[in-house]
C-alpha atoms as a PDB file:
ATOM      1  CA  PRO A   1     -15.082  27.035  14.565  1.00  0.00           C
ATOM      2  CA  ALA A   2     -16.236  25.742  17.985  1.00  0.00           C
ATOM      3  CA  PRO A   3     -14.226  21.929  18.392  1.00  0.00           C
ATOM      4  CA  ALA A   4     -16.546  18.910  18.366  1.00  0.00           C
ATOM      5  CA  PRO A   5     -17.291  17.532  21.710  1.00  0.00           C
ATOM      6  CA  ALA A   6     -14.639  14.918  22.656  1.00  0.00           C
ATOM      7  CA  PRO A   7     -16.263  11.736  23.978  1.00  0.00           C
ATOM      8  CA  ALA A   8     -15.167  10.167  27.329  1.00  0.00           C
ATOM      9  CA  PRO A   9     -12.302   7.529  27.156  1.00  0.00           C
ATOM     10  CA  ALA A  10     -12.794   3.939  28.158  1.00  0.00           C
ATOM     11  CA  PRO A  11     -11.070   3.205  31.276  1.00  0.00           C
ATOM     12  CA  ALA A  12      -7.157   2.490  30.239  1.00  0.00           C
ATOM     13  CA  PRO A  13      -6.363  -1.351  31.009  1.00  0.00           C
ATOM     14  CA  ALA A  14      -2.855  -1.926  32.660  1.00  0.00           C
ATOM     15  CA  ALA A  15      -0.040  -1.019  30.394  1.00  0.00           C
ATOM     16  CA  ALA A  16       1.217  -3.709  27.531  1.00  0.00           C
ATOM     17  CA  LYS A  17       4.517  -4.182  26.434  1.00  0.00           C
ATOM     18  CA  ARG A  18       6.472  -2.352  23.372  1.00  0.00           C
ATOM     19  CA  ILE A  19       5.286  -4.291  20.524  1.00  0.00           C
ATOM     20  CA  ASP A  20       8.446  -5.500  18.174  1.00  0.00           C
ATOM     21  CA  ALA A  21       6.445  -3.995  14.830  1.00  0.00           C
ATOM     22  CA  ILE A  22       9.254  -5.411  12.931  1.00  0.00           C
ATOM     23  CA  ALA A  23       8.845  -8.917  13.840  1.00  0.00           C
ATOM     24  CA  ALA A  24       4.878  -8.347  13.491  1.00  0.00           C
ATOM     25  CA  ILE A  25       5.079  -7.258  10.101  1.00  0.00           C
ATOM     26  CA  LYS A  26       7.357  -9.760   8.598  1.00  0.00           C
ATOM     27  CA  ALA A  27       4.689 -12.192  10.305  1.00  0.00           C
ATOM     28  CA  LEU A  28       1.721 -10.786   8.117  1.00  0.00           C
ATOM     29  CA  ARG A  29       3.818 -11.997   4.807  1.00  0.00           C
ATOM     30  CA  ILE A  30       1.710 -14.553   2.849  1.00  0.00           C
ATOM     31  CA  PRO A  31       4.250 -17.162   1.957  1.00  0.00           C
ATOM     32  CA  THR A  32       2.453 -19.395  -0.900  1.00  0.00           C
ATOM     33  CA  GLY A  33       0.296 -18.830  -3.917  1.00  0.00           C
ATOM     34  CA  PRO A  34      -0.094 -16.104  -6.611  1.00  0.00           C
ATOM     35  CA  TYR A  35       0.047 -13.247  -3.971  1.00  0.00           C
ATOM     36  CA  ALA A  36       3.040 -14.850  -2.225  1.00  0.00           C
ATOM     37  CA  GLY A  37       5.286 -11.757  -0.747  1.00  0.00           C
ATOM     38  CA  GLY A  38       2.150 -10.088  -0.194  1.00  0.00           C
ATOM     39  CA  TYR A  39       0.771  -8.935   3.173  1.00  0.00           C
ATOM     40  CA  GLU A  40      -1.905  -9.501   5.277  1.00  0.00           C
ATOM     41  CA  ILE A  41      -3.194  -6.202   6.795  1.00  0.00           C
ATOM     42  CA  ALA A  42      -3.663  -7.858   9.845  1.00  0.00           C
ATOM     43  CA  PRO A  43      -3.778 -11.824  11.004  1.00  0.00           C
ATOM     44  CA  HIS A  44      -6.748 -13.444   9.010  1.00  0.00           C
ATOM     45  CA  GLY A  45      -7.094 -10.205   6.902  1.00  0.00           C
ATOM     46  CA  LYS A  46      -7.059  -9.260   3.137  1.00  0.00           C
ATOM     47  CA  LEU A  47      -4.239  -7.826   1.141  1.00  0.00           C
ATOM     48  CA  ASN A  48      -4.189  -4.020   0.960  1.00  0.00           C
ATOM     49  CA  TRP A  49      -1.538  -3.195  -1.459  1.00  0.00           C
ATOM     50  CA  TYR A  50      -1.555   0.327   0.224  1.00  0.00           C
ATOM     51  CA  PHE A  51      -1.224  -0.718   3.684  1.00  0.00           C
ATOM     52  CA  ALA A  52       1.189  -2.743   2.955  1.00  0.00           C
ATOM     53  CA  SER A  53       3.481  -0.681   1.367  1.00  0.00           C
ATOM     54  CA  LEU A  54       3.153   2.076   4.191  1.00  0.00           C
ATOM     55  CA  GLY A  55       4.292  -0.878   6.805  1.00  0.00           C
ATOM     56  CA  LEU A  56       7.128  -1.764   4.746  1.00  0.00           C
ATOM     57  CA  ILE A  57       8.603   1.675   4.172  1.00  0.00           C
ATOM     58  CA  PRO A  58       9.775   2.367   7.627  1.00  0.00           C
ATOM     59  CA  ILE A  59      11.490  -0.947   8.548  1.00  0.00           C
ATOM     60  CA  VAL A  60      13.353  -0.909   5.295  1.00  0.00           C
ATOM     61  CA  GLN A  61      16.573   0.860   7.231  1.00  0.00           C
ATOM     62  CA  HIS A  62      16.339  -2.020   9.964  1.00  0.00           C
ATOM     63  CA  LEU A  63      16.225  -4.865   7.651  1.00  0.00           C
ATOM     64  CA  SER A  64      19.499  -7.320   6.813  1.00  0.00           C
ATOM     65  CA  PRO A  65      20.413  -7.929   3.242  1.00  0.00           C
ATOM     66  CA  ALA A  66      18.394 -11.253   3.053  1.00  0.00           C
ATOM     67  CA  ASP A  67      15.481  -9.601   4.895  1.00  0.00           C
ATOM     68  CA  LEU A  68      15.473  -7.025   2.554  1.00  0.00           C
ATOM     69  CA  ASP A  69      15.405  -9.549  -0.390  1.00  0.00           C
ATOM     70  CA  LEU A  70      12.644 -11.824   1.589  1.00  0.00           C
ATOM     71  CA  HIS A  71      10.495  -9.231   2.861  1.00  0.00           C
ATOM     72  CA  VAL A  72      10.753  -6.179   0.381  1.00  0.00           C
ATOM     73  CA  ARG A  73      12.057  -7.023  -3.374  1.00  0.00           C
ATOM     74  CA  THR A  74       9.805 -10.150  -3.327  1.00  0.00           C
ATOM     75  CA  TYR A  75       6.657  -7.836  -2.097  1.00  0.00           C
ATOM     76  CA  LEU A  76       7.648  -5.466  -4.779  1.00  0.00           C
ATOM     77  CA  ASP A  77       7.643  -8.383  -7.183  1.00  0.00           C
ATOM     78  CA  ALA A  78       4.361  -9.098  -6.548  1.00  0.00           C
ATOM     79  CA  TYR A  79       2.767  -5.821  -6.414  1.00  0.00           C
ATOM     80  CA  LEU A  80       4.207  -5.541 -10.088  1.00  0.00           C
ATOM     81  CA  ARG A  81       2.971  -8.840 -11.548  1.00  0.00           C
ATOM     82  CA  SER A  82      -0.035  -8.237 -10.102  1.00  0.00           C
ATOM     83  CA  LEU A  83      -1.280  -4.895 -11.743  1.00  0.00           C
ATOM     84  CA  ASN A  84      -4.184  -4.626 -13.972  1.00  0.00           C
ATOM     85  CA  ALA A  85      -3.474  -3.586 -17.610  1.00  0.00           C
ATOM     86  CA  ASN A  86      -3.818   0.356 -16.518  1.00  0.00           C
ATOM     87  CA  PHE A  87      -1.355   0.115 -14.076  1.00  0.00           C
ATOM     88  CA  SER A  88      -3.878   0.312 -11.233  1.00  0.00           C
ATOM     89  CA  ILE A  89      -3.998  -2.769  -8.595  1.00  0.00           C
ATOM     90  CA  ASP A  90      -6.770  -4.636  -6.976  1.00  0.00           C
ATOM     91  CA  ASP A  91      -6.923  -5.685  -3.397  1.00  0.00           C
ATOM     92  CA  VAL A  92      -7.530  -9.319  -2.352  1.00  0.00           C
ATOM     93  CA  ASP A  93      -9.767 -10.673  -0.080  1.00  0.00           C
ATOM     94  CA  PHE A  94      -9.082 -14.199   0.941  1.00  0.00           C
ATOM     95  CA  PRO A  95     -12.733 -15.607   2.281  1.00  0.00           C
ATOM     96  CA  SER A  96     -12.409 -19.154   2.961  1.00  0.00           C
ATOM     97  CA  GLY A  97      -9.632 -18.263   5.452  1.00  0.00           C
ATOM     98  CA  ARG A  98      -5.789 -17.068   5.922  1.00  0.00           C
ATOM     99  CA  TRP A  99      -3.870 -17.436   2.973  1.00  0.00           C
ATOM    100  CA  ASP A 100      -6.370 -19.636   1.036  1.00  0.00           C
ATOM    101  CA  THR A 101      -5.592 -17.958  -2.721  1.00  0.00           C
ATOM    102  CA  SER A 102      -7.689 -21.174  -4.005  1.00  0.00           C
ATOM    103  CA  HIS A 103     -10.779 -18.683  -3.625  1.00  0.00           C
ATOM    104  CA  CYS A 104      -9.116 -15.507  -3.144  1.00  0.00           C
ATOM    105  CA  VAL A 105     -11.395 -12.501  -4.817  1.00  0.00           C
ATOM    106  CA  ARG A 106     -10.220  -9.689  -6.277  1.00  0.00           C
ATOM    107  CA  VAL A 107     -11.376  -6.175  -5.174  1.00  0.00           C
ATOM    108  CA  LEU A 108     -11.509  -2.680  -6.052  1.00  0.00           C
ATOM    109  CA  SER A 109      -8.723  -0.493  -4.569  1.00  0.00           C
ATOM    110  CA  ASP A 110      -9.685   2.394  -2.348  1.00  0.00           C
ATOM    111  CA  SER A 111      -7.621   4.831  -4.646  1.00  0.00           C
ATOM    112  CA  ASP A 112      -5.403   4.846  -7.218  1.00  0.00           C
ATOM    113  CA  ASP A 113      -3.350   7.746  -6.759  1.00  0.00           C
ATOM    114  CA  SER A 114      -2.091   6.625  -2.843  1.00  0.00           C
ATOM    115  CA  TYR A 115      -1.552   2.988  -3.912  1.00  0.00           C
ATOM    116  CA  ALA A 116       0.837   4.568  -6.664  1.00  0.00           C
ATOM    117  CA  ALA A 117       2.997   6.912  -4.577  1.00  0.00           C
ATOM    118  CA  THR A 118       3.348   4.577  -1.577  1.00  0.00           C
ATOM    119  CA  LEU A 119       4.732   1.913  -4.132  1.00  0.00           C
ATOM    120  CA  LEU A 120       6.966   4.332  -5.479  1.00  0.00           C
ATOM    121  CA  SER A 121       8.551   5.276  -2.283  1.00  0.00           C
ATOM    122  CA  LEU A 122       9.336   1.355  -1.395  1.00  0.00           C
ATOM    123  CA  ALA A 123      10.608   1.193  -4.208  1.00  0.00           C
ATOM    124  CA  ALA A 124      12.727   4.162  -4.132  1.00  0.00           C
ATOM    125  CA  ARG A 125      13.853   3.114  -0.525  1.00  0.00           C
ATOM    126  CA  TYR A 126      14.564  -0.395  -1.600  1.00  0.00           C
ATOM    127  CA  LEU A 127      17.118   0.602  -4.311  1.00  0.00           C
ATOM    128  CA  SER A 128      18.813   2.859  -1.584  1.00  0.00           C
ATOM    129  CA  ALA A 129      19.005   0.085   1.309  1.00  0.00           C
ATOM    130  CA  SER A 130      19.808  -2.865  -1.072  1.00  0.00           C
ATOM    131  CA  GLY A 131      21.776  -1.546  -4.200  1.00  0.00           C
ATOM    132  CA  ASN A 132      20.204  -3.924  -6.244  1.00  0.00           C
ATOM    133  CA  ARG A 133      20.766  -1.643  -9.818  1.00  0.00           C
ATOM    134  CA  SER A 134      20.054  -4.960 -11.338  1.00  0.00           C
ATOM    135  CA  TRP A 135      16.527  -4.968  -9.775  1.00  0.00           C
ATOM    136  CA  TRP A 136      15.919  -1.471 -10.422  1.00  0.00           C
ATOM    137  CA  ASP A 137      16.814  -1.072 -13.931  1.00  0.00           C
ATOM    138  CA  ALA A 138      14.517  -4.389 -14.689  1.00  0.00           C
ATOM    139  CA  ASN A 139      11.426  -2.542 -13.438  1.00  0.00           C
ATOM    140  CA  LYS A 140      11.806   0.802 -13.380  1.00  0.00           C
ATOM    141  CA  GLY A 141       9.774   1.130 -16.929  1.00  0.00           C
ATOM    142  CA  ARG A 142       6.772  -0.662 -15.374  1.00  0.00           C
ATOM    143  CA  LEU A 143       7.550   1.978 -12.006  1.00  0.00           C
ATOM    144  CA  LYS A 144       7.198   4.762 -14.517  1.00  0.00           C
ATOM    145  CA  GLU A 145       3.814   3.489 -15.980  1.00  0.00           C
ATOM    146  CA  VAL A 146       2.699   3.280 -12.282  1.00  0.00           C
ATOM    147  CA  ALA A 147       3.590   7.278 -11.781  1.00  0.00           C
ATOM    148  CA  GLN A 148       2.437   8.539 -15.182  1.00  0.00           C
ATOM    149  CA  ARG A 149      -0.719   6.468 -15.290  1.00  0.00           C
ATOM    150  CA  ASN A 150      -1.977   7.038 -11.622  1.00  0.00           C
ATOM    151  CA  LEU A 151      -0.036  10.266 -10.891  1.00  0.00           C
ATOM    152  CA  ALA A 152       0.823  12.352 -14.036  1.00  0.00           C
ATOM    153  CA  GLN A 153      -2.248  11.482 -15.626  1.00  0.00           C
ATOM    154  CA  ALA A 154      -4.520  12.404 -12.647  1.00  0.00           C
ATOM    155  CA  LEU A 155      -3.403  15.507 -12.393  1.00  0.00           C
ATOM    156  CA  LYS A 156      -5.902  18.177 -12.334  1.00  0.00           C
ATOM    157  CA  PRO A 157      -5.852  21.857 -12.964  1.00  0.00           C
ATOM    158  CA  ASN A 158      -5.528  22.686  -9.622  1.00  0.00           C
ATOM    159  CA  GLY A 159      -2.471  20.480  -9.308  1.00  0.00           C
ATOM    160  CA  LEU A 160      -3.608  17.810  -7.112  1.00  0.00           C
ATOM    161  CA  THR A 161      -4.083  14.260  -8.110  1.00  0.00           C
ATOM    162  CA  SER A 162      -7.753  12.627  -8.608  1.00  0.00           C
ATOM    163  CA  VAL A 163      -8.395   9.617  -6.154  1.00  0.00           C
ATOM    164  CA  PHE A 164      -8.900   7.210  -9.478  1.00  0.00           C
ATOM    165  CA  GLN A 165      -7.884   7.102 -12.639  1.00  0.00           C
ATOM    166  CA  ALA A 166     -10.751   7.277 -15.516  1.00  0.00           C
ATOM    167  CA  PRO A 167     -13.378   5.981 -15.706  1.00  0.00           C
ATOM    168  CA  ARG A 168     -13.282   5.092 -12.007  1.00  0.00           C
ATOM    169  CA  SER A 169     -12.458   9.347 -11.499  1.00  0.00           C
ATOM    170  CA  SER A 170     -16.140   9.988 -12.791  1.00  0.00           C
ATOM    171  CA  GLY A 171     -17.468   8.623  -9.568  1.00  0.00           C
ATOM    172  CA  ASN A 172     -14.722  10.475  -7.531  1.00  0.00           C
ATOM    173  CA  SER A 173     -12.116  13.004  -8.831  1.00  0.00           C
ATOM    174  CA  ILE A 174     -11.898  14.522  -5.490  1.00  0.00           C
ATOM    175  CA  GLY A 175      -8.016  15.976  -4.394  1.00  0.00           C
ATOM    176  CA  TYR A 176      -7.789  14.706  -1.451  1.00  0.00           C
ATOM    177  CA  LEU A 177      -5.167  16.538   1.121  1.00  0.00           C
ATOM    178  CA  MET A 178      -4.055  12.978   2.749  1.00  0.00           C
ATOM    179  CA  ASP A 179      -3.674  11.379  -0.708  1.00  0.00           C
ATOM    180  CA  ASN A 180      -1.696  14.388  -2.251  1.00  0.00           C
ATOM    181  CA  CYS A 181       1.162  14.064   0.527  1.00  0.00           C
ATOM    182  CA  GLU A 182       1.417  10.450  -0.272  1.00  0.00           C
ATOM    183  CA  VAL A 183       1.859  11.340  -3.669  1.00  0.00           C
ATOM    184  CA  TYR A 184       3.784  14.293  -3.558  1.00  0.00           C
ATOM    185  CA  ARG A 185       6.378  12.069  -1.130  1.00  0.00           C
ATOM    186  CA  GLY A 186       6.346   9.280  -3.510  1.00  0.00           C
ATOM    187  CA  LEU A 187       7.444  11.529  -6.923  1.00  0.00           C
ATOM    188  CA  ARG A 188      10.007  12.973  -5.202  1.00  0.00           C
ATOM    189  CA  ASP A 189      11.435   9.771  -3.583  1.00  0.00           C
ATOM    190  CA  PHE A 190      10.933   8.299  -7.322  1.00  0.00           C
ATOM    191  CA  SER A 191      12.575  11.159  -8.687  1.00  0.00           C
ATOM    192  CA  GLU A 192      15.563  11.145  -6.082  1.00  0.00           C
ATOM    193  CA  ALA A 193      15.883   7.331  -7.015  1.00  0.00           C
ATOM    194  CA  LEU A 194      16.029   8.078 -10.610  1.00  0.00           C
ATOM    195  CA  ARG A 195      18.202  10.724 -10.355  1.00  0.00           C
ATOM    196  CA  SER A 196      20.718   8.856  -8.239  1.00  0.00           C
ATOM    197  CA  THR A 197      20.884   5.892 -11.303  1.00  0.00           C
ATOM    198  CA  GLY A 198      21.564   9.083 -14.178  1.00  0.00           C
ATOM    199  CA  ASP A 199      18.007   8.877 -15.605  1.00  0.00           C
ATOM    200  CA  ALA A 200      17.133  12.012 -17.428  1.00  0.00           C
ATOM    201  CA  ASP A 201      13.781  11.201 -16.348  1.00  0.00           C
ATOM    202  CA  ALA A 202      14.321  12.594 -12.738  1.00  0.00           C
ATOM    203  CA  ALA A 203      13.592  16.191 -13.360  1.00  0.00           C
ATOM    204  CA  HIS A 204      10.383  15.162 -14.881  1.00  0.00           C
ATOM    205  CA  TYR A 205       9.236  13.327 -11.740  1.00  0.00           C
ATOM    206  CA  ALA A 206      10.670  16.361  -9.568  1.00  0.00           C
ATOM    207  CA  ALA A 207       9.054  19.008 -11.336  1.00  0.00           C
ATOM    208  CA  LEU A 208       5.746  16.868 -11.003  1.00  0.00           C
ATOM    209  CA  ALA A 209       6.285  16.947  -7.023  1.00  0.00           C
ATOM    210  CA  GLY A 210       6.349  20.103  -7.200  1.00  0.00           C
ATOM    211  CA  THR A 211       3.182  20.569  -8.987  1.00  0.00           C
ATOM    212  CA  VAL A 212       1.230  18.477  -6.373  1.00  0.00           C
ATOM    213  CA  ALA A 213       2.867  20.888  -3.660  1.00  0.00           C
ATOM    214  CA  GLY A 214       1.336  23.758  -5.013  1.00  0.00           C
ATOM    215  CA  GLY A 215      -1.843  22.181  -5.051  1.00  0.00           C
ATOM    216  CA  ILE A 216      -1.224  21.156  -1.557  1.00  0.00           C
ATOM    217  CA  ARG A 217      -0.724  24.326  -0.356  1.00  0.00           C
ATOM    218  CA  LYS A 218      -4.053  25.826  -2.078  1.00  0.00           C
ATOM    219  CA  LEU A 219      -5.697  23.517   0.576  1.00  0.00           C
ATOM    220  CA  PHE A 220      -4.972  25.880   3.403  1.00  0.00           C
ATOM    221  CA  HIS A 221      -7.571  27.666   4.644  1.00  0.00           C
ATOM    222  CA  GLY A 222      -6.530  31.255   5.622  1.00  0.00           C
ATOM    223  CA  SER A 223      -9.364  32.151   7.739  1.00  0.00           C
ATOM    224  CA  GLY A 224      -9.844  28.726   9.453  1.00  0.00           C
ATOM    225  CA  ASN A 225      -6.341  28.599   9.841  1.00  0.00           C
ATOM    226  CA  ALA A 226      -6.036  25.270   8.718  1.00  0.00           C
ATOM    227  CA  PHE A 227      -6.074  22.701   6.134  1.00  0.00           C
ATOM    228  CA  VAL A 228      -9.114  21.646   4.439  1.00  0.00           C
ATOM    229  CA  PRO A 229      -9.617  17.825   3.487  1.00  0.00           C
ATOM    230  CA  GLY A 230      -9.843  18.176  -0.315  1.00  0.00           C
ATOM    231  CA  ASP A 231     -10.724  20.424  -3.183  1.00  0.00           C
ATOM    232  CA  VAL A 232     -14.167  20.321  -2.601  1.00  0.00           C
ATOM    233  CA  PHE A 233     -14.444  20.995   0.985  1.00  0.00           C
ATOM    234  CA  GLN A 234     -15.122  25.142   1.305  1.00  0.00           C
ATOM    235  CA  ALA A 235     -13.758  25.557   5.123  1.00  0.00           C
ATOM    236  CA  PRO A 236     -11.740  23.108   7.806  1.00  0.00           C
ATOM    237  CA  ASP A 237     -13.729  20.314   8.658  1.00  0.00           C
ATOM    238  CA  LEU A 238     -14.629  19.206  12.457  1.00  0.00           C
ATOM    239  CA  SER A 239     -14.794  15.798  11.900  1.00  0.00           C
ATOM    240  CA  PHE A 240     -12.182  13.746  13.622  1.00  0.00           C
ATOM    241  CA  TYR A 241     -11.798  11.709   9.970  1.00  0.00           C
ATOM    242  CA  PRO A 242     -10.542  13.295   7.428  1.00  0.00           C
ATOM    243  CA  GLY A 243     -10.909  16.857   9.043  1.00  0.00           C
ATOM    244  CA  THR A 244      -8.658  17.058  12.290  1.00  0.00           C
ATOM    245  CA  THR A 245      -6.345  14.243  10.922  1.00  0.00           C
ATOM    246  CA  CYS A 246      -5.820  15.226   8.019  1.00  0.00           C
ATOM    247  CA  GLN A 247      -3.931  18.203   9.454  1.00  0.00           C
ATOM    248  CA  VAL A 248      -0.483  16.427  10.082  1.00  0.00           C
ATOM    249  CA  PHE A 249      -0.264  14.905   6.580  1.00  0.00           C
ATOM    250  CA  PRO A 250       2.009  17.772   5.043  1.00  0.00           C
ATOM    251  CA  GLU A 251       4.089  17.421   8.026  1.00  0.00           C
ATOM    252  CA  ALA A 252       4.053  13.227   8.017  1.00  0.00           C
ATOM    253  CA  PHE A 253       5.280  13.157   4.646  1.00  0.00           C
ATOM    254  CA  GLY A 254       7.452  16.111   4.514  1.00  0.00           C
ATOM    255  CA  VAL A 255       5.938  18.350   2.167  1.00  0.00           C
ATOM    256  CA  ALA A 256       8.544  21.021   2.940  1.00  0.00           C
ATOM    257  CA  GLU A 257       7.014  23.744   0.857  1.00  0.00           C
ATOM    258  CA  CYS A 258       3.979  23.571   3.541  1.00  0.00           C
ATOM    259  CA  ALA A 259       6.342  23.696   6.336  1.00  0.00           C
ATOM    260  CA  GLY A 260       4.940  27.249   7.242  1.00  0.00           C
ATOM    261  CA  HIS A 261       1.180  25.697   8.171  1.00  0.00           C
ATOM    262  CA  PHE A 262       2.449  23.072  10.378  1.00  0.00           C
ATOM    263  CA  ASP A 263       1.815  24.422  13.330  1.00  0.00           C
ATOM    264  CA  ALA A 264      -1.094  25.997  12.392  1.00  0.00           C
ATOM    265  CA  ALA A 265      -2.305  22.403  11.292  1.00  0.00           C
ATOM    266  CA  TRP A 266      -0.920  20.680  14.691  1.00  0.00           C
ATOM    267  CA  ALA A 267      -2.841  23.137  16.805  1.00  0.00           C
ATOM    268  CA  TYR A 268      -6.454  22.608  14.880  1.00  0.00           C
ATOM    269  CA  LEU A 269      -5.771  18.820  15.460  1.00  0.00           C
ATOM    270  CA  ASN A 270      -5.282  19.653  19.050  1.00  0.00           C
ATOM    271  CA  ARG A 271      -8.079  22.195  19.441  1.00  0.00           C
ATOM    272  CA  MET A 272     -10.944  20.616  17.710  1.00  0.00           C
ATOM    273  CA  SER A 273      -9.911  16.711  18.832  1.00  0.00           C
ATOM    274  CA  PRO A 274      -8.733  17.188  22.275  1.00  0.00           C
ATOM    275  CA  SER A 275      -6.835  14.280  23.795  1.00  0.00           C
ATOM    276  CA  TRP A 276      -6.781  12.576  20.568  1.00  0.00           C
ATOM    277  CA  GLN A 277      -3.988  10.396  21.980  1.00  0.00           C
ATOM    278  CA  ASP A 278      -5.820   8.232  24.214  1.00  0.00           C
ATOM    279  CA  GLY A 279      -7.888   6.939  21.338  1.00  0.00           C
ATOM    280  CA  ARG A 280     -11.012   8.332  22.431  1.00  0.00           C
ATOM    281  CA  TYR A 281     -12.277   9.283  18.771  1.00  0.00           C
ATOM    282  CA  ASP A 282     -11.767   6.063  16.981  1.00  0.00           C
ATOM    283  CA  SER A 283     -11.333   2.467  17.421  1.00  0.00           C
ATOM    284  CA  TYR A 284      -8.064   2.673  15.144  1.00  0.00           C
ATOM    285  CA  ALA A 285      -5.289   3.901  17.081  1.00  0.00           C
ATOM    286  CA  TRP A 286      -4.071   6.117  14.075  1.00  0.00           C
ATOM    287  CA  ALA A 287      -0.522   6.305  14.633  1.00  0.00           C
ATOM    288  CA  ILE A 288       0.497   8.610  12.120  1.00  0.00           C
ATOM    289  CA  LEU A 289      -0.755  11.165  14.573  1.00  0.00           C
ATOM    290  CA  GLY A 290       1.546  10.105  17.413  1.00  0.00           C
ATOM    291  CA  PHE A 291       4.698   9.812  14.856  1.00  0.00           C
ATOM    292  CA  VAL A 292       4.279  13.501  14.128  1.00  0.00           C
ATOM    293  CA  ALA A 293       3.545  14.344  18.127  1.00  0.00           C
ATOM    294  CA  ALA A 294       7.068  12.676  18.411  1.00  0.00           C
ATOM    295  CA  LYS A 295       8.694  14.960  15.155  1.00  0.00           C
ATOM    296  CA  ARG A 296       7.301  17.905  17.128  1.00  0.00           C
ATOM    297  CA  GLY A 297       9.228  17.102  20.133  1.00  0.00           C
ATOM    298  CA  GLN A 298       5.965  16.205  22.195  1.00  0.00           C
ATOM    299  CA  LEU A 299       7.009  13.482  23.900  1.00  0.00           C
ATOM    300  CA  ALA A 300       4.054  13.116  26.537  1.00  0.00           C
ATOM    301  CA  GLN A 301       1.390  13.186  23.564  1.00  0.00           C
ATOM    302  CA  ALA A 302       3.574  10.658  21.539  1.00  0.00           C
ATOM    303  CA  GLY A 303       4.377   8.369  24.602  1.00  0.00           C
ATOM    304  CA  GLU A 304       0.875   8.346  26.087  1.00  0.00           C
ATOM    305  CA  HIS A 305      -0.200   7.220  22.246  1.00  0.00           C
ATOM    306  CA  ALA A 306       2.417   4.622  21.844  1.00  0.00           C
ATOM    307  CA  ALA A 307       1.071   3.335  25.100  1.00  0.00           C
ATOM    308  CA  LEU A 308      -2.663   3.193  23.182  1.00  0.00           C
ATOM    309  CA  VAL A 309      -1.453   1.308  20.196  1.00  0.00           C
ATOM    310  CA  GLU A 310       0.314  -0.936  22.614  1.00  0.00           C
ATOM    311  CA  ARG A 311      -2.866  -1.727  24.466  1.00  0.00           C
ATOM    312  CA  THR A 312      -4.838  -2.185  21.268  1.00  0.00           C
ATOM    313  CA  PHE A 313      -2.569  -4.568  19.807  1.00  0.00           C
ATOM    314  CA  SER A 314      -2.783  -6.887  23.087  1.00  0.00           C
ATOM    315  CA  LEU A 315      -6.754  -6.364  23.114  1.00  0.00           C
ATOM    316  CA  ASN A 316      -7.676  -6.200  19.541  1.00  0.00           C
ATOM    317  CA  ARG A 317      -5.099  -7.042  17.228  1.00  0.00           C
ATOM    318  CA  ALA A 318      -7.389  -6.625  13.974  1.00  0.00           C
ATOM    319  CA  ARG A 319      -7.348  -3.090  14.978  1.00  0.00           C
ATOM    320  CA  VAL A 320      -3.513  -2.518  14.415  1.00  0.00           C
ATOM    321  CA  THR A 321      -2.975  -2.917  11.077  1.00  0.00           C
ATOM    322  CA  ILE A 322       0.199  -3.230   8.959  1.00  0.00           C
ATOM    323  CA  ASN A 323       0.262   0.270   8.021  1.00  0.00           C
ATOM    324  CA  GLU A 324      -0.235   1.396  11.942  1.00  0.00           C
ATOM    325  CA  LEU A 325       2.811  -0.853  12.867  1.00  0.00           C
ATOM    326  CA  GLY A 326       4.714   1.132  10.412  1.00  0.00           C
ATOM    327  CA  PHE A 327       4.088   4.753  11.826  1.00  0.00           C
ATOM    328  CA  TYR A 328       4.455   3.016  15.349  1.00  0.00           C
ATOM    329  CA  GLN A 329       7.683   2.206  14.643  1.00  0.00           C
ATOM    330  CA  ARG A 330       8.654   5.628  13.290  1.00  0.00           C
ATOM    331  CA  MET A 331       7.176   6.948  16.443  1.00  0.00           C
ATOM    332  CA  LEU A 332       9.478   5.067  18.328  1.00  0.00           C
ATOM    333  CA  ASN A 333      12.275   5.707  16.125  1.00  0.00           C
ATOM    334  CA  VAL A 334      11.698   9.796  16.382  1.00  0.00           C
ATOM    335  CA  MET A 335      11.242   9.246  20.323  1.00  0.00           C
ATOM    336  CA  HIS A 336      14.506   7.252  20.711  1.00  0.00           C
ATOM    337  CA  GLY A 337      16.732   9.567  18.897  1.00  0.00           C
ATOM    338  CA  ARG A 338      16.975   7.183  15.777  1.00  0.00           C
ATOM    339  CA  SER A 339      16.602   7.949  12.306  1.00  0.00           C
ATOM    340  CA  ASP A 340      13.165   8.471  10.346  1.00  0.00           C
ATOM    341  CA  VAL A 341      12.664   7.190   6.749  1.00  0.00           C
END
C-alpha cells in the first residue's frame, strides 16, 4: 500500500537539554494517602498503573538499594493492595488537584492484560536487582493470581490474550499486537524470576509465553510484509496509531520468536510513516520508536527523536508521560552503550 501523506512538522525550536529521566520519574511519586507509592503520569495527572510500570522498569538498574525500596518496592505494594477482587486494577483520577486523595475517583483501566504483564516484568526486575526474597515469597502468590486471571485465563484459541477479563471482554476481546508483546515479556520475565527461586510453576508461565509468541507470529501478514495491529485486522493498517507504531513492539519487548520479521516491520514503519522521528504524526513523542531505532543502530534517527522528546518536555511537559520517560531512558542507554533492561 501507498504511505499515508506525511503532515509537515512544526518548526523546531532551539535544542533543549538532556532530560534527567530518573529524577523526573522520581518526582512523580505520590507521597501520601491511600495511593502512596503510586505515580502520576505527569505533574497534576492521574495515576495510570500501566504507564507507571513502564516508566519504572527501565530505571530499576540505576537505583540504589534505598531508592529501590522507596521507588519500586513501595509502588509494587501500592499496586497489590489496590487490586480488585478479580485481580484487575482501576486507575485513579484526582479531580481536586495533585495527590488530593480525599476526592480521588477510581476509573476503569485501559486494559487488563497489559497492566498485569508490565507489573510482572517490574516485580521480576525488582527481585533481580534487590535480592529481596522475603518480599518475593510473601507476594508471589498474588502475582500468580494476577497472571492467571488477566493473562492465562484471557488466552484465546489463537494464542493471544483478550484485552479484558470477562465480563468486560464482551465489549472488547481483541488480541492486540502491542498488548501481547507486553504479555509475552511479562510472562517470560515472571517465569525467569520463578525459576531463579526454584519455583516449579516457572515452566507453566514459560509455556504460556511460548503460546503467546505463537499467536504474535500469526499477526504477521505475509503479502503485506508487516504486522497487523490485532486479530480483527485483515491487513496491515496505514494509520500511525496503531498501524505503524505497533510494528516495533515485537522488537521492543524482545519477542525472539518473531526476530525474522523485525526488519520488515521496521521498514513498514519508515515507509508508511516517513520522518516519524520529528514528531509530525502525534503530539506525544512515542519514545519507544526512538528506543528501537537505537537498538537497530539507527543512531541518527534515535538522536533526532531524543531531541524531539527533550523539546516536548521543555515546551509541553504533560506530553512526556512517565512511560515516555522510561523509553527515553532506554533509548539513551542504548545510544551510549549502556545495558538495556
